[in-house]
């Protein structure tokens, strides 16, 4: 039941209706089974962040590869190259990390 609901939200709503390039989520590493559940559903971990002594892992699942690289990301590459050089994550993901964790 849970998988059917997630499929509907990810594919019918986010991908087809909203045209979202990807879906992102975060979970605490103190719950290791959660990351495994999402990874089996096609998510991949791309960033770890510690906040208030709690380590979080950010995961993403690309829904629309053709629109995954956005103009917003291109601008980010242009104006923050030093941060990108040290971040070791994809620029498009760093844009989304900044929205979740403004201090990244």
C-alpha atoms as a PDB file:
ATOM      1  CA  UNK A   1       0.000   0.000   0.000  1.00  0.00           C
ATOM      2  CA  UNK A   2       2.811   2.418   0.940  1.00  0.00           C
ATOM      3  CA  UNK A   3       4.718   1.744  -2.292  1.00  0.00           C
ATOM      4  CA  UNK A   4       1.596   2.292  -4.395  1.00  0.00           C
ATOM      5  CA  UNK A   5       0.973   5.621  -2.663  1.00  0.00           C
ATOM      6  CA  UNK A   6       4.588   6.766  -3.156  1.00  0.00           C
ATOM      7  CA  UNK A   7       4.502   5.686  -6.818  1.00  0.00           C
ATOM      8  CA  UNK A   8       1.358   7.727  -7.367  1.00  0.00           C
ATOM      9  CA  UNK A   9       2.779  10.819  -5.676  1.00  0.00           C
ATOM     10  CA  UNK A  10       6.191  10.582  -7.377  1.00  0.00           C
ATOM     11  CA  UNK A  11       5.042   9.701 -10.875  1.00  0.00           C
ATOM     12  CA  UNK A  12       1.503  10.942 -11.382  1.00  0.00           C
ATOM     13  CA  UNK A  13       1.633  14.059  -9.266  1.00  0.00           C
ATOM     14  CA  UNK A  14       5.264  15.248  -9.049  1.00  0.00           C
ATOM     15  CA  UNK A  15       6.594  14.042 -12.407  1.00  0.00           C
ATOM     16  CA  UNK A  16       3.553  14.277 -14.678  1.00  0.00           C
ATOM     17  CA  UNK A  17       1.460  17.113 -13.206  1.00  0.00           C
ATOM     18  CA  UNK A  18       3.975  19.411 -11.544  1.00  0.00           C
ATOM     19  CA  UNK A  19       6.869  18.502 -13.871  1.00  0.00           C
ATOM     20  CA  UNK A  20       9.285  18.345 -10.922  1.00  0.00           C
ATOM     21  CA  UNK A  21      12.827  17.532 -12.058  1.00  0.00           C
ATOM     22  CA  UNK A  22      13.521  15.504  -8.908  1.00  0.00           C
ATOM     23  CA  UNK A  23      12.212  14.770  -5.457  1.00  0.00           C
ATOM     24  CA  UNK A  24      14.384  15.334  -2.388  1.00  0.00           C
ATOM     25  CA  UNK A  25      14.064  14.172   1.173  1.00  0.00           C
ATOM     26  CA  UNK A  26      16.149  14.057   4.324  1.00  0.00           C
ATOM     27  CA  UNK A  27      16.318  11.499   7.087  1.00  0.00           C
ATOM     28  CA  UNK A  28      18.420  11.112  10.214  1.00  0.00           C
ATOM     29  CA  UNK A  29      21.239   8.570  10.007  1.00  0.00           C
ATOM     30  CA  UNK A  30      20.202   7.335  13.454  1.00  0.00           C
ATOM     31  CA  UNK A  31      17.348   5.647  11.547  1.00  0.00           C
ATOM     32  CA  UNK A  32      19.479   3.674   9.039  1.00  0.00           C
ATOM     33  CA  UNK A  33      16.593   1.531   7.805  1.00  0.00           C
ATOM     34  CA  UNK A  34      14.846   4.604   6.354  1.00  0.00           C
ATOM     35  CA  UNK A  35      17.668   5.438   3.935  1.00  0.00           C
ATOM     36  CA  UNK A  36      17.659   1.784   2.821  1.00  0.00           C
ATOM     37  CA  UNK A  37      13.935   1.885   2.116  1.00  0.00           C
ATOM     38  CA  UNK A  38      14.308   4.980  -0.055  1.00  0.00           C
ATOM     39  CA  UNK A  39      17.418   3.640  -1.816  1.00  0.00           C
ATOM     40  CA  UNK A  40      15.475   0.526  -2.837  1.00  0.00           C
ATOM     41  CA  UNK A  41      12.890   2.902  -4.340  1.00  0.00           C
ATOM     42  CA  UNK A  42      15.528   4.569  -6.536  1.00  0.00           C
ATOM     43  CA  UNK A  43      16.700   7.392  -4.284  1.00  0.00           C
ATOM     44  CA  UNK A  44      20.396   8.048  -3.861  1.00  0.00           C
ATOM     45  CA  UNK A  45      22.126   9.709  -0.964  1.00  0.00           C
ATOM     46  CA  UNK A  46      24.167  12.708  -2.042  1.00  0.00           C
ATOM     47  CA  UNK A  47      24.939  14.761   1.051  1.00  0.00           C
ATOM     48  CA  UNK A  48      25.332  14.408   4.814  1.00  0.00           C
ATOM     49  CA  UNK A  49      24.877  17.321   7.179  1.00  0.00           C
ATOM     50  CA  UNK A  50      25.075  17.584  10.953  1.00  0.00           C
ATOM     51  CA  UNK A  51      22.549  19.835  12.587  1.00  0.00           C
ATOM     52  CA  UNK A  52      22.050  20.096  16.351  1.00  0.00           C
ATOM     53  CA  UNK A  53      24.188  16.962  16.889  1.00  0.00           C
ATOM     54  CA  UNK A  54      21.939  14.979  14.549  1.00  0.00           C
ATOM     55  CA  UNK A  55      23.450  13.723  11.294  1.00  0.00           C
ATOM     56  CA  UNK A  56      21.076  13.988   8.361  1.00  0.00           C
ATOM     57  CA  UNK A  57      21.405  12.397   4.942  1.00  0.00           C
ATOM     58  CA  UNK A  58      19.829  14.023   1.912  1.00  0.00           C
ATOM     59  CA  UNK A  59      18.520  11.745  -0.821  1.00  0.00           C
ATOM     60  CA  UNK A  60      17.167  12.430  -4.283  1.00  0.00           C
ATOM     61  CA  UNK A  61      15.313  10.629  -7.025  1.00  0.00           C
ATOM     62  CA  UNK A  62      15.442  12.124 -10.512  1.00  0.00           C
ATOM     63  CA  UNK A  63      11.948  12.154 -12.029  1.00  0.00           C
ATOM     64  CA  UNK A  64      12.438  14.221 -15.205  1.00  0.00           C
ATOM     65  CA  UNK A  65      16.079  13.920 -16.341  1.00  0.00           C
ATOM     66  CA  UNK A  66      15.546  16.264 -19.292  1.00  0.00           C
ATOM     67  CA  UNK A  67      14.701  19.188 -16.978  1.00  0.00           C
ATOM     68  CA  UNK A  68      16.920  18.219 -14.046  1.00  0.00           C
ATOM     69  CA  UNK A  69      19.537  20.866 -14.939  1.00  0.00           C
ATOM     70  CA  UNK A  70      17.698  24.162 -14.504  1.00  0.00           C
ATOM     71  CA  UNK A  71      18.592  27.815 -15.227  1.00  0.00           C
ATOM     72  CA  UNK A  72      18.741  28.373 -11.467  1.00  0.00           C
ATOM     73  CA  UNK A  73      21.539  25.807 -11.260  1.00  0.00           C
ATOM     74  CA  UNK A  74      23.398  27.405 -14.153  1.00  0.00           C
ATOM     75  CA  UNK A  75      23.330  30.752 -12.328  1.00  0.00           C
ATOM     76  CA  UNK A  76      24.542  29.086  -9.150  1.00  0.00           C
ATOM     77  CA  UNK A  77      27.515  27.616 -11.040  1.00  0.00           C
ATOM     78  CA  UNK A  78      28.343  31.046 -12.365  1.00  0.00           C
ATOM     79  CA  UNK A  79      28.280  32.964  -9.080  1.00  0.00           C
ATOM     80  CA  UNK A  80      29.504  30.447  -6.475  1.00  0.00           C
ATOM     81  CA  UNK A  81      32.372  28.485  -8.075  1.00  0.00           C
ATOM     82  CA  UNK A  82      34.484  28.376  -4.866  1.00  0.00           C
ATOM     83  CA  UNK A  83      31.683  26.706  -2.937  1.00  0.00           C
ATOM     84  CA  UNK A  84      31.107  24.219  -5.737  1.00  0.00           C
ATOM     85  CA  UNK A  85      34.811  23.334  -5.832  1.00  0.00           C
ATOM     86  CA  UNK A  86      34.784  22.271  -2.180  1.00  0.00           C
ATOM     87  CA  UNK A  87      31.244  20.862  -1.938  1.00  0.00           C
ATOM     88  CA  UNK A  88      31.820  17.534  -3.752  1.00  0.00           C
ATOM     89  CA  UNK A  89      28.142  17.394  -4.738  1.00  0.00           C
ATOM     90  CA  UNK A  90      26.403  18.293  -7.975  1.00  0.00           C
ATOM     91  CA  UNK A  91      25.506  21.985  -8.372  1.00  0.00           C
ATOM     92  CA  UNK A  92      21.827  21.229  -8.920  1.00  0.00           C
ATOM     93  CA  UNK A  93      21.791  19.365  -5.603  1.00  0.00           C
ATOM     94  CA  UNK A  94      23.646  22.138  -3.808  1.00  0.00           C
ATOM     95  CA  UNK A  95      20.888  24.525  -4.860  1.00  0.00           C
ATOM     96  CA  UNK A  96      18.348  22.259  -3.163  1.00  0.00           C
ATOM     97  CA  UNK A  97      20.589  21.749  -0.105  1.00  0.00           C
ATOM     98  CA  UNK A  98      20.701  25.505   0.355  1.00  0.00           C
ATOM     99  CA  UNK A  99      16.916  25.584   0.442  1.00  0.00           C
ATOM    100  CA  UNK A 100      16.831  22.879   3.146  1.00  0.00           C
ATOM    101  CA  UNK A 101      19.953  23.899   5.092  1.00  0.00           C
ATOM    102  CA  UNK A 102      20.604  27.633   4.471  1.00  0.00           C
ATOM    103  CA  UNK A 103      24.061  27.443   6.096  1.00  0.00           C
ATOM    104  CA  UNK A 104      25.427  24.862   3.610  1.00  0.00           C
END
